[in-house]
Structure formats: C-alpha cells, structure tokens
Amino acid sequence: MTMDYKAEANSLGVTRCRDSIFAWGKRTYIMGVINLSPDSFSGDGCRSIDEALQQAVRFAGEGADIIDVGGESTRPDAAPVPVEEELKRVIPFIKELMRSVSIPVSIDTYKYEVAVQALDAGVSMVNDISGLKMQPSMLRLVAERQAPVVLTSNERGQPSRDITETVISSLQALIRLALDAGISRQNLVTDPGIGFGKTQDQNLEILRKLADLKTLGRPILIGTSRKSFIRNVLGEDSEALLQGTAATLAIGIRNGADMVRVHDVGAMSHVCRISDAIIRARDER
C-alpha cells in the first residue's frame, strides 16, 4: 500500500489535546515516556518526583509533543499494581508536571480510578493498553470527558496466526465500541500493540504492513522503543537498542505512523525530523 500523505492530512483531521493541536499527516508527533514503576522493562523507571520532573522537562525541550505517564509496568510478566499504589506513584507527579511543562500529558493506565484522578489533575489523553476493555467504566469516563484516547490491539492470552488481519479487526471493533459510547472520532488514536501478545515475527510483520492499518481512517501510534523484539535481533547493548529503535521508527513512519512513543526523545526526534523531511516533503531549512 503506497502512502499518500497529502490525502492523509486531509482525511484524518486534527485532535485537540490541552492547548495543542495534532494535525495528523503533517508531521510525526513524539510521545515521551515517563515510567514511575521501578520494574519498567526499559530500565528507565524514575525513583523520585524530582528525577521524573527533570526527565519530563528535558523531553519537552528535546521535542516531545506529549508526555505519557505510567505507574505500572506493562511487560508480560509484571505483577499487577494495586490502585492505591498506582495513584501514589502518578498523581502527585502529574500535579507537579502540569506546572512544569506546557505540552499535554497522557496517562498510561487501564484503571478507572487512576484515569479519573489523572484527568482531574490536568491530563488530556488516556492511553489504555487494554483498549478500554479491562474496566468498562473507562469507556464511559472517556466518553463523558471527551478526552482523546489511544485504542490498543492487545493479543495477550489470545494468540493469532494472521496478525495483521487480527489487529485490523481488533481496532475496527474498538473504534465501533468507542463511537457507540459517544467518543468523538477525532479523539481516537489507534495502536497496533507491538509487543502485546505478538511473536517476534509478528511484531516485525506489523511494522512491515503498517500501511494496511490506514484503512481504519484514524492516526497510528507505534511503541517500539527498546522492546524485546529489537533485543532479540541485536542483543542487550544500549547503543544497539537505540539504533534498533531508530530503524523501527524510520520504517514505521515510512509505512504510516503518525505518532511514536519513545524513551529517548532527543535522539528519536532527529529520526522523526529527517524521516518527515524525506517522506512528507517537509522543508526543514
């Protein structure tokens, strides 16, 4: 499938998030990851509010368009975090963060109470790896608040043989669910869920066939940063992980990614800028 970026920009429209506007198709937007869980798979979990704030402020300066805050590791073998503990980790930080950066903030959670308090504290977007299915009350909450939401195709516990078809079907169902609940189409962002219930080959296939997801008519977010499928190819060396992530982003952008979720904002912002300059014919002079 050949990408027509001008047509895409006209069809996807814009999503308003806090005081920012994501004009889809114009350029690639960057979501910087702030992990407040000590057992983060990426090894970048922040131990204190001050440490996390410094990182978030640095991300904003390095080109992040939105900060994604999470208090529970999403790696496959991670133990669930009680809601009280997750609230303790993320809410005080979010309140400080809102005073420190002007870019929007999203909350990475599948728990209703965490999402409620995060939205009350100023968060603009909900990033729920369950696709709003873990707790049905999340669907009502997002609809009531009319918050932009990331819908993720999560195949954990549901292995699939034809992963591209499965992801498209899953995201189509999630979009219908969201629209039926009263969530605006312009507030929907899709995520194929790389690393969530996929095999090594399936993760690679999703990147290779990412353009197929454009039939959904909504912007695509990819989260490949430091993930195990890169480690499986290149090993654990941090420089190799950085370079491997850069390669996945460049290919992902070429195949239709509109937003990338990354741990290394400074380096990956350069990847996005040069990819956009080549692919979207942006004038970077």
Protein backbone atom coordinates (compact mmCIF):
# COMPACT_ATOMS: atom_id res chain seq x y z
CA MET A 1 0.00 0.00 0.00
CA THR A 2 1.52 3.34 -1.09
CA MET A 3 1.07 6.22 1.32
CA ASP A 4 -0.47 9.49 0.06
CA TYR A 5 0.47 11.90 2.83
CA LYS A 6 -1.42 14.89 1.46
CA ALA A 7 -4.61 12.85 1.23
CA GLU A 8 -3.96 11.51 4.73
CA ALA A 9 -3.60 15.01 6.16
CA ASN A 10 -6.95 15.97 4.65
CA SER A 11 -8.77 12.84 5.84
CA LEU A 12 -7.55 12.43 9.43
CA GLY A 13 -8.23 15.99 10.53
CA VAL A 14 -6.98 17.21 13.90
CA THR A 15 -7.14 16.15 17.53
CA ARG A 16 -7.15 18.79 20.24
CA CYS A 17 -5.18 17.94 23.35
CA ARG A 18 -4.88 20.58 26.10
CA ASP A 19 -3.66 23.67 24.23
CA SER A 20 -2.08 21.64 21.44
CA ILE A 21 -3.47 20.53 18.11
CA PHE A 22 -2.26 17.34 16.47
CA ALA A 23 -2.68 17.96 12.74
CA TRP A 24 -2.41 14.37 11.57
CA GLY A 25 -0.43 13.71 8.43
CA LYS A 26 1.50 16.98 8.61
CA ARG A 27 4.37 15.52 10.66
CA THR A 28 5.22 12.77 13.13
CA TYR A 29 4.36 13.57 16.74
CA ILE A 30 6.50 12.37 19.64
CA MET A 31 5.19 10.89 22.88
CA GLY A 32 7.88 10.85 25.58
CA VAL A 33 7.61 8.06 28.16
CA ILE A 34 7.89 8.72 31.90
CA ASN A 35 7.90 5.45 33.85
CA LEU A 36 7.18 5.72 37.56
CA SER A 37 7.35 1.97 38.06
CA PRO A 38 10.59 0.53 39.48
CA ASP A 39 10.28 -2.63 37.35
CA SER A 40 9.93 -0.97 33.94
CA PHE A 41 11.06 -3.31 31.12
CA SER A 42 13.08 -0.50 29.58
CA GLY A 43 15.15 0.10 32.70
CA ASP A 44 14.27 3.79 32.86
CA GLY A 45 11.91 3.84 35.85
CA CYS A 46 12.20 7.07 37.84
CA ARG A 47 12.74 6.74 41.59
CA SER A 48 11.50 10.18 42.67
CA ILE A 49 9.24 13.03 41.57
CA ASP A 50 12.24 15.30 41.14
CA GLU A 51 14.01 12.80 38.90
CA ALA A 52 10.88 12.29 36.80
CA LEU A 53 10.26 16.05 36.52
CA GLN A 54 13.80 16.65 35.30
CA GLN A 55 13.33 13.97 32.69
CA ALA A 56 9.95 15.35 31.56
CA VAL A 57 11.25 18.91 31.29
CA ARG A 58 14.21 17.61 29.28
CA PHE A 59 11.85 15.70 27.00
CA ALA A 60 9.81 18.85 26.36
CA GLY A 61 12.99 20.71 25.46
CA GLU A 62 14.14 17.90 23.18
CA GLY A 63 10.97 17.95 21.08
CA ALA A 64 8.34 15.81 22.80
CA ASP A 65 4.79 16.80 21.83
CA ILE A 66 3.14 14.94 24.72
CA ILE A 67 4.34 13.19 27.90
CA ASP A 68 2.95 9.74 28.71
CA VAL A 69 2.97 8.94 32.44
CA GLY A 70 2.67 5.38 33.72
CA GLY A 71 2.82 3.86 37.18
CA GLU A 72 2.65 0.15 36.33
CA SER A 73 4.97 -1.87 34.15
CA THR A 74 3.35 -3.30 31.02
CA ARG A 75 5.87 -6.10 30.47
CA PRO A 76 4.20 -9.53 30.13
CA ASP A 77 5.34 -10.97 33.48
CA ALA A 78 4.84 -7.85 35.59
CA ALA A 79 2.79 -8.18 38.77
CA PRO A 80 -0.37 -6.03 38.88
CA VAL A 81 -0.05 -2.86 40.97
CA PRO A 82 -2.85 -2.09 43.46
CA VAL A 83 -4.80 1.02 42.51
CA GLU A 84 -3.74 2.80 45.72
CA GLU A 85 -0.08 2.27 44.89
CA GLU A 86 -0.50 3.42 41.30
CA LEU A 87 -2.30 6.56 42.47
CA LYS A 88 0.52 7.23 44.94
CA ARG A 89 3.07 6.94 42.16
CA VAL A 90 1.43 9.03 39.45
CA ILE A 91 -0.96 11.67 40.84
CA PRO A 92 1.49 13.78 42.91
CA PHE A 93 3.88 13.71 39.95
CA ILE A 94 1.20 14.75 37.45
CA LYS A 95 0.20 17.72 39.62
CA GLU A 96 3.82 18.90 39.65
CA LEU A 97 4.26 18.15 35.96
CA MET A 98 1.31 20.33 34.95
CA ARG A 99 3.13 23.27 36.50
CA SER A 100 6.41 22.43 34.79
CA VAL A 101 5.60 21.81 31.11
CA SER A 102 3.22 23.39 28.64
CA ILE A 103 2.80 20.34 26.40
CA PRO A 104 -0.10 17.93 27.01
CA VAL A 105 0.14 14.88 29.26
CA SER A 106 -1.40 11.42 28.85
CA ILE A 107 -1.97 8.74 31.47
CA ASP A 108 -0.94 5.16 30.73
CA THR A 109 -3.42 3.11 32.76
CA TYR A 110 -6.30 0.67 32.44
CA LYS A 111 -7.71 1.55 35.88
CA TYR A 112 -10.77 3.79 36.11
CA GLU A 113 -9.86 5.49 39.39
CA VAL A 114 -6.35 6.31 38.21
CA ALA A 115 -7.71 7.77 34.97
CA VAL A 116 -10.32 9.85 36.85
CA GLN A 117 -7.80 11.42 39.18
CA ALA A 118 -5.28 11.94 36.39
CA LEU A 119 -7.87 13.76 34.25
CA ASP A 120 -8.88 15.83 37.28
CA ALA A 121 -5.22 16.75 37.74
CA GLY A 122 -4.96 18.06 34.19
CA VAL A 123 -4.13 15.07 31.99
CA SER A 124 -5.53 15.40 28.46
CA MET A 125 -5.29 11.90 26.96
CA VAL A 126 -5.90 8.33 28.12
CA ASN A 127 -3.56 5.57 26.90
CA ASP A 128 -5.20 2.28 27.93
CA ILE A 129 -3.32 -0.83 26.78
CA SER A 130 -6.48 -2.91 27.22
CA GLY A 131 -8.35 -0.86 24.63
CA LEU A 132 -10.83 0.30 27.30
CA LYS A 133 -11.90 -3.33 27.79
CA MET A 134 -10.29 -4.20 31.13
CA GLN A 135 -12.68 -1.96 33.04
CA PRO A 136 -15.88 -1.00 31.13
CA SER A 137 -16.21 2.13 33.28
CA MET A 138 -13.18 3.52 31.44
CA LEU A 139 -15.22 3.69 28.25
CA ARG A 140 -17.90 5.79 29.95
CA LEU A 141 -15.29 8.01 31.56
CA VAL A 142 -13.52 8.83 28.30
CA ALA A 143 -16.86 9.48 26.60
CA GLU A 144 -18.02 11.80 29.40
CA ARG A 145 -14.77 13.76 29.47
CA GLN A 146 -14.39 13.70 25.66
CA ALA A 147 -10.69 13.01 26.12
CA PRO A 148 -8.51 11.77 23.27
CA VAL A 149 -7.78 8.07 23.75
CA VAL A 150 -5.29 5.55 22.41
CA LEU A 151 -7.01 2.30 21.42
CA THR A 152 -4.58 -0.63 21.58
CA SER A 153 -4.83 -4.02 19.92
CA ASN A 154 -3.70 -6.30 22.75
CA GLU A 155 -3.47 -10.01 21.92
CA ARG A 156 -2.09 -11.25 25.25
CA GLY A 157 -3.75 -14.56 26.01
CA GLN A 158 -5.30 -14.62 22.53
CA PRO A 159 -2.61 -15.79 20.09
CA SER A 160 -3.30 -15.19 16.42
CA ARG A 161 -1.95 -16.78 13.24
CA ASP A 162 -2.79 -13.88 10.89
CA ILE A 163 -1.64 -10.96 13.00
CA THR A 164 -2.28 -8.16 10.51
CA GLU A 165 -5.87 -9.24 9.95
CA THR A 166 -6.34 -9.72 13.71
CA VAL A 167 -5.00 -6.27 14.57
CA ILE A 168 -7.16 -4.55 11.96
CA SER A 169 -10.26 -6.46 13.09
CA SER A 170 -9.49 -5.71 16.75
CA LEU A 171 -9.03 -2.00 16.14
CA GLN A 172 -12.18 -1.83 13.98
CA ALA A 173 -14.14 -3.32 16.88
CA LEU A 174 -12.58 -0.89 19.37
CA ILE A 175 -13.38 2.08 17.14
CA ARG A 176 -17.01 0.96 16.85
CA LEU A 177 -17.18 0.47 20.62
CA ALA A 178 -15.80 3.95 21.24
CA LEU A 179 -18.08 5.64 18.70
CA ASP A 180 -21.14 3.83 20.07
CA ALA A 181 -20.21 5.09 23.55
CA GLY A 182 -20.23 8.67 22.28
CA ILE A 183 -16.49 9.28 21.89
CA SER A 184 -15.70 11.61 19.00
CA ARG A 185 -13.93 10.03 16.02
CA GLN A 186 -11.41 12.87 16.11
CA ASN A 187 -10.39 11.76 19.61
CA LEU A 188 -9.43 8.24 18.55
CA VAL A 189 -5.81 7.17 18.03
CA THR A 190 -5.01 3.57 17.09
CA ASP A 191 -2.07 1.49 18.33
CA PRO A 192 -1.34 -1.95 16.80
CA GLY A 193 0.10 -3.04 20.16
CA ILE A 194 3.59 -4.07 19.14
CA GLY A 195 4.87 -6.37 21.91
CA PHE A 196 1.43 -7.09 23.32
CA GLY A 197 0.72 -10.78 22.66
CA LYS A 198 2.68 -10.93 19.41
CA THR A 199 5.53 -13.22 18.45
CA GLN A 200 8.89 -11.93 17.25
CA ASP A 201 7.92 -12.42 13.61
CA GLN A 202 4.50 -10.86 14.16
CA ASN A 203 5.99 -7.68 15.63
CA LEU A 204 8.19 -7.36 12.56
CA GLU A 205 5.24 -8.07 10.27
CA ILE A 206 3.17 -5.31 11.86
CA LEU A 207 5.88 -2.77 11.07
CA ARG A 208 6.25 -4.16 7.56
CA LYS A 209 2.48 -3.99 6.88
CA LEU A 210 1.65 -0.94 9.00
CA ALA A 211 0.21 0.91 5.99
CA ASP A 212 -2.63 -1.64 5.93
CA LEU A 213 -3.96 -0.04 9.13
CA LYS A 214 -4.67 3.18 7.23
CA THR A 215 -7.95 1.60 6.12
CA LEU A 216 -9.15 2.34 9.67
CA GLY A 217 -9.15 6.07 8.95
CA ARG A 218 -7.51 7.07 12.22
CA PRO A 219 -3.94 8.09 13.13
CA ILE A 220 -1.49 5.35 14.10
CA LEU A 221 0.74 5.39 17.17
CA ILE A 222 3.58 2.89 17.43
CA GLY A 223 5.52 1.95 20.55
CA THR A 224 8.65 0.05 19.55
CA SER A 225 11.15 1.80 21.82
CA ARG A 226 13.63 -0.62 23.48
CA LYS A 227 11.22 -3.55 23.10
CA SER A 228 12.21 -7.20 23.25
CA PHE A 229 11.87 -7.88 19.53
CA ILE A 230 14.71 -5.40 18.98
CA ARG A 231 16.71 -7.02 21.79
CA ASN A 232 16.15 -10.43 20.22
CA VAL A 233 17.73 -9.24 16.99
CA LEU A 234 20.52 -7.03 18.33
CA GLY A 235 21.10 -8.04 21.96
CA GLU A 236 21.01 -6.01 25.17
CA ASP A 237 23.65 -3.39 24.31
CA SER A 238 22.15 0.06 24.96
CA GLU A 239 23.66 1.60 21.83
CA ALA A 240 22.28 -1.23 19.71
CA LEU A 241 18.83 -0.77 21.27
CA LEU A 242 18.94 2.93 20.46
CA GLN A 243 19.94 2.27 16.87
CA GLY A 244 17.41 -0.55 16.53
CA THR A 245 14.65 1.69 17.84
CA ALA A 246 15.67 4.39 15.36
CA ALA A 247 15.38 1.90 12.49
CA THR A 248 11.90 0.78 13.57
CA LEU A 249 10.72 4.39 13.79
CA ALA A 250 12.05 5.35 10.37
CA ILE A 251 10.38 2.31 8.79
CA GLY A 252 7.23 2.86 10.82
CA ILE A 253 6.97 6.49 9.71
CA ARG A 254 7.56 5.43 6.11
CA ASN A 255 4.68 2.97 6.46
CA GLY A 256 2.24 5.41 8.03
CA ALA A 257 2.97 6.02 11.73
CA ASP A 258 1.63 9.40 12.88
CA MET A 259 2.93 9.33 16.47
CA VAL A 260 5.79 7.44 18.12
CA ARG A 261 6.10 6.56 21.80
CA VAL A 262 9.76 6.69 22.85
CA HIS A 263 12.11 6.65 25.84
CA ASP A 264 14.93 8.56 24.12
CA VAL A 265 13.25 11.75 22.92
CA GLY A 266 16.33 13.70 21.87
CA ALA A 267 17.76 11.04 19.57
CA MET A 268 14.40 9.93 18.23
CA SER A 269 13.28 13.48 17.46
CA HIS A 270 16.13 13.60 14.93
CA VAL A 271 14.90 10.35 13.39
CA CYS A 272 11.40 11.77 13.09
CA ARG A 273 12.55 15.06 11.60
CA ILE A 274 14.70 13.52 8.89
CA SER A 275 12.07 10.86 8.14
CA ASP A 276 9.43 13.58 7.77
CA ALA A 277 11.74 15.67 5.59
CA ILE A 278 12.16 12.72 3.22
CA ILE A 279 8.70 11.18 3.36
CA ARG A 280 6.36 14.11 3.92
CA ALA A 281 8.47 16.55 1.87
CA ARG A 282 8.85 18.92 4.82
CA ASP A 283 11.15 21.89 4.39
CA GLU A 284 13.49 21.77 7.39
CA ARG A 285 15.64 24.76 6.34
